[in-house]
Protein backbone atom coordinates (compact mmCIF):
# COMPACT_ATOMS: atom_id res chain seq x y z
CA MET A 1 -0.06 0.09 0.22
CA SER A 2 1.11 3.45 -0.81
CA ASP A 3 2.57 5.58 2.26
CA HIS A 4 0.97 8.62 0.97
CA ILE A 5 -2.54 8.95 2.81
CA PRO A 6 -5.24 11.22 0.78
CA GLU A 7 -6.55 14.38 2.22
CA LEU A 8 -10.13 13.89 3.60
CA VAL A 9 -12.24 16.58 2.55
CA ALA A 10 -15.90 16.79 3.91
CA GLY A 11 -18.91 19.03 2.68
CA VAL A 12 -20.25 21.16 5.22
CA ARG A 13 -22.98 24.30 5.42
CA ASN A 14 -22.42 25.86 8.36
CA PRO A 15 -20.82 25.89 11.83
CA ALA A 16 -22.61 23.11 13.26
CA THR A 17 -21.57 20.59 10.43
CA LEU A 18 -17.94 21.95 10.80
CA SER A 19 -17.79 21.24 14.47
CA VAL A 20 -18.95 17.50 13.98
CA CYS A 21 -15.99 16.69 11.45
CA LYS A 22 -13.56 19.07 12.36
CA ASP A 23 -11.51 16.19 14.22
CA HIS A 24 -11.75 13.85 11.35
CA ALA A 25 -11.43 15.86 7.90
CA ASP A 26 -8.38 17.51 6.94
CA ALA A 27 -10.19 20.09 4.73
CA VAL A 28 -14.02 21.32 4.18
CA TYR A 29 -15.56 22.42 1.22
CA PHE A 30 -18.93 24.67 1.32
CA SER A 31 -20.55 27.35 -0.64
CA ILE A 32 -22.12 30.53 -0.05
CA ASP A 33 -25.79 31.40 -0.64
CA ARG A 34 -25.28 31.69 -4.41
CA PHE A 35 -23.36 30.03 -7.53
CA SER A 36 -23.36 26.71 -5.85
CA LEU A 37 -24.83 23.20 -6.59
CA ARG A 38 -26.21 23.20 -3.53
CA ALA A 39 -28.53 26.47 -3.62
CA ARG A 40 -30.39 25.32 -0.42
CA ALA A 41 -27.30 25.47 1.68
CA ARG A 42 -27.69 29.19 2.46
CA ASP A 43 -26.19 29.69 5.99
CA ILE A 44 -23.06 31.01 4.70
CA THR A 45 -23.03 34.33 2.98
CA LEU A 46 -20.53 37.10 1.81
CA ASP A 47 -21.39 39.04 5.00
CA ASN A 48 -20.24 35.86 7.43
CA LEU A 49 -17.61 34.25 4.84
CA ASP A 50 -14.62 36.07 6.78
CA MET A 51 -16.13 34.69 10.23
CA PHE A 52 -16.57 31.02 8.78
CA VAL A 53 -13.09 30.94 7.19
CA GLU A 54 -11.63 32.00 10.66
CA GLN A 55 -13.77 28.88 12.32
CA VAL A 56 -12.39 26.60 9.78
CA ARG A 57 -8.72 27.69 10.41
CA ASP A 58 -9.23 27.62 14.13
CA SER A 59 -10.26 23.83 13.61
CA GLY A 60 -6.96 23.31 11.91
CA LEU A 61 -8.63 22.48 8.52
CA LYS A 62 -8.36 23.98 4.95
CA ALA A 63 -11.19 25.80 3.60
CA TYR A 64 -12.57 25.21 -0.24
CA LEU A 65 -15.01 27.31 -1.49
CA ALA A 66 -17.36 25.94 -4.23
CA VAL A 67 -18.35 28.46 -6.97
CA ASN A 68 -19.47 25.88 -9.64
CA THR A 69 -22.82 26.53 -11.12
CA VAL A 70 -23.38 27.77 -14.70
CA ILE A 71 -22.37 31.56 -14.81
CA TYR A 72 -24.67 33.57 -17.03
CA PRO A 73 -23.93 37.11 -18.55
CA GLU A 74 -26.00 38.93 -15.69
CA ASP A 75 -24.03 36.90 -13.21
CA LEU A 76 -20.44 38.06 -13.81
CA PRO A 77 -20.46 41.02 -11.61
CA ALA A 78 -21.58 39.05 -8.49
CA VAL A 79 -19.19 36.59 -9.38
CA ASP A 80 -16.22 38.83 -9.34
CA ALA A 81 -17.40 40.20 -5.97
CA ILE A 82 -17.48 36.67 -4.46
CA VAL A 83 -13.84 35.58 -5.62
CA GLU A 84 -12.68 38.98 -4.48
CA ALA A 85 -13.99 38.29 -0.94
CA ALA A 86 -12.72 34.71 -1.07
CA ALA A 87 -9.32 36.12 -1.62
CA ILE A 88 -9.79 38.55 1.29
CA ALA A 89 -10.98 35.78 3.40
CA GLY A 90 -7.96 33.81 2.90
CA ILE A 91 -9.76 30.75 1.20
CA ASP A 92 -7.39 27.98 0.31
CA SER A 93 -8.90 27.02 -3.12
CA VAL A 94 -11.80 27.87 -5.27
CA ILE A 95 -13.46 24.95 -6.73
CA ALA A 96 -14.81 26.11 -10.09
CA TRP A 97 -15.17 24.62 -13.83
CA ASP A 98 -16.54 27.88 -15.70
CA PRO A 99 -13.80 29.61 -17.37
CA ALA A 100 -15.00 33.12 -16.04
CA VAL A 101 -14.62 31.74 -12.49
CA ILE A 102 -11.23 30.22 -13.32
CA ASN A 103 -10.03 33.55 -14.98
CA LYS A 104 -11.04 35.62 -11.60
CA SER A 105 -9.56 33.21 -9.31
CA VAL A 106 -6.27 33.11 -11.01
CA GLU A 107 -6.34 36.72 -11.41
CA CYS A 108 -6.91 37.23 -7.46
CA GLY A 109 -4.16 34.90 -6.62
CA LEU A 110 -6.26 31.85 -5.54
CA ASP A 111 -5.48 28.40 -5.68
CA LEU A 112 -7.83 26.41 -8.00
CA HIS A 113 -9.43 22.91 -8.13
CA ILE A 114 -11.53 21.99 -11.00
CA SER A 115 -14.93 21.09 -10.11
CA THR A 116 -16.24 17.47 -10.93
CA GLN A 117 -18.85 19.36 -13.17
CA ALA A 118 -16.01 19.68 -15.54
CA ASN A 119 -16.20 16.02 -16.18
CA VAL A 120 -12.25 15.52 -16.62
CA SER A 121 -12.00 12.09 -17.60
CA ASN A 122 -8.21 11.93 -19.15
CA TRP A 123 -4.95 13.28 -18.32
CA GLN A 124 -4.62 15.55 -21.11
CA THR A 125 -7.60 17.54 -19.80
CA ALA A 126 -6.08 17.48 -16.36
CA GLU A 127 -3.03 19.00 -17.95
CA PHE A 128 -5.17 21.49 -19.68
CA TYR A 129 -6.28 22.77 -16.28
CA ARG A 130 -3.12 22.97 -15.27
CA LYS A 131 -2.26 25.30 -17.98
CA LEU A 132 -5.02 27.49 -16.87
CA GLY A 133 -3.67 27.70 -13.20
CA ALA A 134 -5.19 24.75 -11.52
CA SER A 135 -3.51 22.58 -8.87
CA ARG A 136 -5.99 19.83 -8.39
CA VAL A 137 -8.80 18.31 -10.59
CA ILE A 138 -11.98 16.43 -9.09
CA LEU A 139 -12.19 13.66 -11.53
CA SER A 140 -15.39 12.42 -13.14
CA ARG A 141 -17.40 10.19 -11.15
CA GLU A 142 -17.76 8.08 -14.10
CA LEU A 143 -14.43 6.94 -14.26
CA THR A 144 -13.36 3.07 -13.38
CA LEU A 145 -10.65 2.49 -10.82
CA GLU A 146 -8.29 1.39 -13.89
CA GLN A 147 -8.72 4.49 -15.90
CA ILE A 148 -7.86 6.65 -12.65
CA LYS A 149 -4.84 4.89 -12.52
CA ASP A 150 -4.06 5.65 -16.14
CA ILE A 151 -4.41 9.28 -15.37
CA ARG A 152 -2.32 9.23 -12.28
CA GLN A 153 0.60 7.71 -14.32
CA HIS A 154 0.41 10.37 -17.00
CA THR A 155 0.25 13.36 -14.62
CA ASP A 156 1.48 14.64 -11.39
CA MET A 157 -1.84 17.00 -11.02
CA GLU A 158 -3.44 16.57 -7.52
CA LEU A 159 -6.18 13.93 -8.26
CA GLU A 160 -9.41 14.12 -5.87
CA VAL A 161 -12.33 11.54 -6.04
CA PHE A 162 -15.84 11.21 -4.28
CA VAL A 163 -15.84 8.12 -2.17
CA HIS A 164 -19.34 8.64 -0.47
CA GLY A 165 -22.70 10.16 -0.86
CA ALA A 166 -25.32 10.60 -3.21
CA MET A 167 -25.01 9.71 -6.89
CA CYS A 168 -26.57 11.57 -9.91
CA GLN A 169 -28.10 9.98 -12.90
CA ALA A 170 -26.57 12.41 -15.39
CA ILE A 171 -23.08 12.46 -16.49
CA SER A 172 -21.12 14.50 -13.53
CA GLY A 173 -24.29 15.87 -12.46
CA ARG A 174 -25.14 17.53 -15.77
CA CYS A 175 -28.75 17.00 -15.42
CA TYR A 176 -31.77 18.92 -17.18
CA LEU A 177 -34.58 16.82 -16.03
CA SER A 178 -35.44 19.09 -13.06
CA ALA A 179 -35.10 22.35 -15.43
CA TYR A 180 -37.35 20.33 -18.17
CA LEU A 181 -40.13 19.35 -15.61
CA LEU A 182 -40.23 21.98 -13.20
CA GLY A 183 -38.15 24.84 -14.42
CA ARG A 184 -35.59 24.50 -11.59
CA SER A 185 -32.10 24.09 -13.07
CA GLY A 186 -29.85 21.25 -11.27
CA ASN A 187 -27.00 23.21 -13.09
CA CYS A 188 -27.74 26.34 -11.05
CA GLY A 189 -27.98 24.17 -7.60
CA ASP A 190 -31.74 24.11 -7.68
CA CYS A 191 -32.39 20.64 -8.62
CA THR A 192 -35.83 19.08 -7.28
CA GLN A 193 -34.25 15.65 -7.60
CA PRO A 194 -37.19 14.15 -9.79
CA CYS A 195 -34.89 11.07 -10.03
CA ARG A 196 -35.90 10.06 -6.56
CA TRP A 197 -39.59 10.17 -7.33
CA GLN A 198 -41.76 7.22 -8.05
CA TRP A 199 -42.47 6.40 -11.50
CA THR A 200 -44.18 3.75 -13.42
CA LEU A 201 -43.13 2.13 -16.73
CA HIS A 202 -45.72 1.57 -19.48
CA GLY A 203 -44.99 -0.70 -22.53
CA GLU A 204 -45.76 0.39 -26.17
CA ASP A 205 -48.95 -1.24 -25.88
CA GLY A 206 -49.78 1.08 -22.88
CA GLY A 207 -49.49 -1.75 -20.37
CA LEU A 208 -48.05 -1.28 -17.12
CA VAL A 209 -44.62 -2.94 -16.69
CA GLU A 210 -44.32 -5.02 -13.47
CA LEU A 211 -40.88 -4.14 -11.84
CA ALA A 212 -39.17 -4.63 -8.36
CA GLY A 213 -40.15 -1.09 -7.45
CA LYS A 214 -41.18 2.41 -8.38
CA HIS A 215 -38.12 4.60 -7.77
CA LEU A 216 -36.80 3.43 -11.38
CA LEU A 217 -34.35 6.47 -11.47
CA SER A 218 -32.89 6.48 -8.29
CA ALA A 219 -29.29 5.75 -8.00
CA ARG A 220 -27.78 4.08 -4.66
CA ASP A 221 -25.42 6.07 -2.76
CA LEU A 222 -21.71 5.92 -3.24
CA CYS A 223 -19.83 3.82 -0.48
CA MET A 224 -16.00 3.01 -0.92
CA ILE A 225 -15.22 2.21 2.85
CA GLU A 226 -14.46 -1.34 1.91
CA HIS A 227 -12.15 -0.31 -1.07
CA VAL A 228 -9.89 2.38 0.74
CA PRO A 229 -6.78 0.68 0.18
CA GLU A 230 -7.48 0.08 -3.45
CA LEU A 231 -8.17 3.91 -3.74
CA ILE A 232 -4.72 4.83 -1.90
CA ASP A 233 -2.81 2.47 -4.02
CA ALA A 234 -4.16 4.46 -7.09
CA GLY A 235 -2.21 7.41 -6.09
CA LEU A 236 -5.02 9.69 -5.35
CA ASP A 237 -4.58 12.90 -3.32
CA ALA A 238 -7.88 13.64 -2.09
CA PHE A 239 -11.27 11.84 -0.70
CA LYS A 240 -14.25 13.78 -0.86
CA ILE A 241 -17.37 13.21 1.13
CA GLU A 242 -20.53 14.35 -0.38
CA GLY A 243 -23.19 16.09 1.80
CA ARG A 244 -23.51 19.63 1.99
CA LEU A 245 -27.25 19.22 2.49
CA ARG A 246 -26.76 16.64 4.94
CA ASN A 247 -27.59 17.10 8.81
CA PRO A 248 -24.37 17.35 11.19
CA GLY A 249 -25.37 13.81 12.66
CA TYR A 250 -24.65 12.32 9.00
CA MET A 251 -21.38 14.19 8.65
CA ALA A 252 -20.18 13.39 11.99
CA VAL A 253 -20.45 9.42 11.34
CA VAL A 254 -19.18 9.48 7.53
CA SER A 255 -16.40 11.67 8.35
CA ARG A 256 -15.14 9.52 11.34
CA CYS A 257 -15.73 6.26 9.42
CA TYR A 258 -13.40 7.18 6.43
CA ARG A 259 -10.90 8.90 8.91
CA GLU A 260 -10.69 5.81 10.81
CA ALA A 261 -10.08 3.86 7.59
CA LEU A 262 -7.47 6.12 6.40
CA ASP A 263 -5.53 6.06 9.75
CA ALA A 264 -5.90 2.09 9.88
CA CYS A 265 -4.33 2.17 6.33
CA ARG A 266 -1.84 4.30 7.64
CA ASN A 267 -0.89 2.00 10.41
CA GLY A 268 -1.56 -1.10 8.64
CA SER A 269 -4.53 -2.41 10.64
CA TYR A 270 -6.99 -2.17 8.12
CA ASP A 271 -9.06 -5.24 7.20
CA GLN A 272 -12.38 -6.12 5.83
CA GLY A 273 -13.82 -6.94 9.16
CA MET A 274 -13.43 -3.24 10.03
CA ALA A 275 -14.37 -2.18 6.94
CA GLN A 276 -17.67 -4.28 7.59
CA GLN A 277 -18.30 -2.42 10.89
CA TRP A 278 -17.73 1.06 9.22
CA LYS A 279 -20.52 0.15 6.68
CA GLU A 280 -22.71 -0.92 9.18
CA GLN A 281 -22.28 2.51 10.93
CA LEU A 282 -22.86 4.27 7.84
CA ALA A 283 -26.03 2.17 7.20
CA LYS A 284 -27.65 3.87 10.20
CA VAL A 285 -27.26 7.50 8.92
CA TYR A 286 -29.35 8.80 5.94
CA ASN A 287 -28.61 6.46 2.75
CA ARG A 288 -30.37 5.23 -0.42
CA GLY A 289 -28.76 1.77 -0.12
CA PHE A 290 -24.90 1.40 -1.23
CA SER A 291 -23.13 1.03 -4.23
CA THR A 292 -19.37 1.37 -5.79
CA GLY A 293 -20.58 3.52 -8.50
CA PHE A 294 -18.47 3.16 -11.55
CA TYR A 295 -15.20 2.09 -10.06
CA PHE A 296 -15.25 -1.38 -10.99
CA GLY A 297 -17.56 -0.86 -13.98
CA VAL A 298 -20.64 0.64 -15.10
CA PRO A 299 -23.47 -0.02 -12.68
CA GLY A 300 -26.17 -2.58 -13.51
CA PRO A 301 -29.44 -2.88 -11.61
CA ASP A 302 -28.03 -3.31 -8.38
CA GLY A 303 -26.88 0.06 -8.61
CA LEU A 304 -30.40 1.57 -8.52
CA ALA A 305 -32.61 1.56 -5.28
CA VAL A 306 -35.98 0.79 -7.20
CA GLU A 307 -37.54 -0.58 -4.21
CA LYS A 308 -36.94 1.95 -1.57
CA ASP A 309 -37.67 5.36 -0.81
CA MET A 310 -35.53 8.19 -0.17
CA ASN A 311 -34.10 6.77 3.24
CA ALA A 312 -32.90 3.23 3.46
CA SER A 313 -31.49 3.70 7.00
CA SER A 314 -32.88 1.98 9.98
CA VAL A 315 -32.84 5.05 11.85
CA ARG A 316 -35.31 7.88 11.41
CA ARG A 317 -35.42 11.65 12.67
CA GLN A 318 -39.00 12.92 13.32
CA ALA A 319 -39.16 16.67 13.54
CA VAL A 320 -40.95 17.36 17.00
CA GLY A 321 -40.42 21.03 17.78
CA VAL A 322 -38.57 24.30 17.82
CA VAL A 323 -36.50 25.89 20.71
CA GLN A 324 -37.91 28.87 22.00
CA ASN A 325 -35.51 30.10 24.69
CA TYR A 326 -32.59 28.79 26.51
CA PHE A 327 -31.77 29.07 30.04
CA LEU A 328 -28.14 28.72 30.95
CA LYS A 329 -28.39 28.68 34.87
CA GLN A 330 -30.95 25.87 34.49
CA ASP A 331 -29.34 23.87 31.74
CA ALA A 332 -32.64 24.01 30.20
CA ALA A 333 -34.46 25.06 26.85
CA ALA A 334 -38.28 25.92 26.39
CA VAL A 335 -39.22 23.87 23.65
CA ARG A 336 -42.71 24.35 21.56
CA LEU A 337 -43.60 20.91 20.15
CA LEU A 338 -45.09 21.63 16.89
CA GLU A 339 -45.02 18.45 15.22
CA GLY A 340 -45.01 15.53 17.77
CA GLY A 341 -44.54 14.78 21.48
CA LEU A 342 -41.56 13.99 23.65
CA ALA A 343 -41.20 11.45 26.58
CA VAL A 344 -38.51 10.77 29.05
CA GLY A 345 -36.05 8.31 27.85
CA ASP A 346 -36.53 9.29 24.21
CA SER A 347 -33.22 9.81 21.95
CA ILE A 348 -33.24 13.25 20.58
CA VAL A 349 -31.10 15.69 18.48
CA ILE A 350 -31.13 19.33 18.63
CA GLU A 351 -29.79 21.14 15.46
CA GLY A 352 -29.22 24.58 14.25
CA ALA A 353 -26.96 26.45 12.00
CA SER A 354 -24.42 26.69 14.90
CA THR A 355 -25.85 23.75 17.31
CA TYR A 356 -25.55 20.02 17.18
CA LEU A 357 -26.34 18.03 20.20
CA GLU A 358 -27.44 14.37 20.73
CA GLN A 359 -28.80 13.36 23.89
CA GLU A 360 -31.65 11.62 25.75
CA VAL A 361 -34.60 13.27 27.42
CA GLU A 362 -33.72 13.13 31.09
CA SER A 363 -36.51 15.46 32.35
CA LEU A 364 -39.40 17.61 31.27
CA MET A 365 -41.39 20.15 32.77
CA ILE A 366 -44.90 21.68 31.99
CA GLY A 367 -45.10 25.09 33.92
CA ARG A 368 -43.57 24.04 37.11
CA ASP A 369 -44.55 20.29 37.24
CA PRO A 370 -42.27 17.52 36.09
CA VAL A 371 -43.72 15.04 33.47
CA GLN A 372 -43.12 12.09 31.99
CA GLU A 373 -44.36 12.82 28.80
CA ALA A 374 -45.55 15.94 26.67
CA GLY A 375 -47.75 16.21 23.42
CA LYS A 376 -47.88 17.97 20.31
CA GLY A 377 -49.08 21.47 20.68
CA GLN A 378 -47.49 21.89 24.40
CA ASP A 379 -44.75 24.04 25.62
CA VAL A 380 -42.42 22.05 27.56
CA GLY A 381 -39.27 22.84 29.73
CA LEU A 382 -36.37 20.24 28.45
CA ALA A 383 -33.20 19.65 30.40
CA VAL A 384 -30.22 20.05 27.96
CA ALA A 385 -26.64 19.01 27.96
CA ALA A 386 -25.15 21.91 26.42
CA ARG A 387 -25.90 25.23 25.11
CA VAL A 388 -28.75 25.42 22.44
CA ARG A 389 -30.42 28.11 20.42
CA LYS A 390 -33.62 29.84 19.76
CA ASN A 391 -35.17 28.42 16.63
CA ASP A 392 -33.00 25.30 16.71
CA ARG A 393 -35.08 22.22 15.71
CA VAL A 394 -35.75 19.60 17.83
CA PHE A 395 -36.08 15.80 16.46
CA ARG A 396 -36.89 12.57 17.90
CA VAL A 397 -34.53 9.74 16.84
CA GLU A 398 -36.22 6.26 16.33
CA ARG A 399 -35.21 2.98 14.96
CA ILE A 400 -37.68 1.08 12.74
C-alpha cells in the first residue's frame, strides 16, 4: 500500500456541520448562498464568510469554496465580488469549472480546484487545466479505478475523487430533468430531484410493466469504505465526502468512519472485518442503499434503489419542535412541540446553524410540574446537556 494517505475533504454547510467533522477531516468544502450546486445551503453568505473561514482555520482545516454553477452574463459582477471576497477571507482554494470563475480566481491569486462538473476524464484534460492555473482536478464520477490509475501515471496534478454520498443519474451531475419538468435547474443548484420520485413504466401497448419497485431512476449512494486501500494505491491525493445538505449527525458518522479507515491504512491495521463494521455504522445514517458507483464498471440494476424510498436507513429523525429560549443557569430549553410529542427516555437531536446536540430526554417540565411525557401543541421545559439556541429544531430519533 502507498505511504501517501489522501486528504479527507468533507462537505459542510454551517458551523454546526463544521464542528462535528473538524476532528476527522483535513479540509472542508462549502459554498455561500449563490452560484453553488447546493442552492439550499444558505447559512454562509458574503457577510459572514470571513468569520466562517476563521472558524475553519481555528479548527486546523483547509477551506475550499465551491463556485460551480453555470454562470450567465448577468451573474458576472456578483461572481467577481464573491471571488474577491474569497481572496480577502483567505480561502485555500476555489472549486470551479466555468472559465469566468477560473480566470477571476487566477487573477486574484487563488489556488484552483477543477469541479467534477468539468467531467475531467483523461490526463490530457487534467494538464489543460493545469495550464489555466489549477493545482487539482476533481475527477469525473464515471471513471473506473483502472482509468483513474492511467490518469495518475500520466500527470502529477493533484487528483481528487468522491468516495461517499449521493450519486446523480447524469454525467457528472449535468442533469436537465428538473429544469425540463419544473423549471428549476440542477446546473444552477436548484434540483428538485425528480430521479428520486416514484415512476411507473408502460410498454408500447400502454400496459403497465411490473418491476421490483417504483423508484426507477434513483441511484444508490456511493460507498467505498470497503475499498479504501485500493483507492490509496491508485495514487489519489484527496477523498471527498458529498453531503453539503446533510445534517450534522450524518457528517459526524461519515467523516469519522473514513478518518478511521485512512488511519488504519496508515498504521497497517485495515482489514475487511473493520470495513464491515464501518459500513454498518454508515448504514445507520441517511442513505439510499450503497453501491461502488463506476469504480469497477458501469453499474447494473444493483446500482439502483428501485424498491426503496429516499432513506434506506433503519434510523429515522422525526421533527417534534422548536427551541423558544435557552436558560443557561438551569441547563434547560423552552421547546414548543409543533409536530410531535416527547417522553423521558427518548433519544433526541437538537440542531441549528451553530448547534448540534445528541442526548436522551432526562427531564421534562410543563410549567413548574415535572412530567413523563408531553404532547404535540404543548410548551415544555427540556433539560439539555449543552447550549442550544432560539429556533433550533428538535428531532426525536427512532429505530424502525
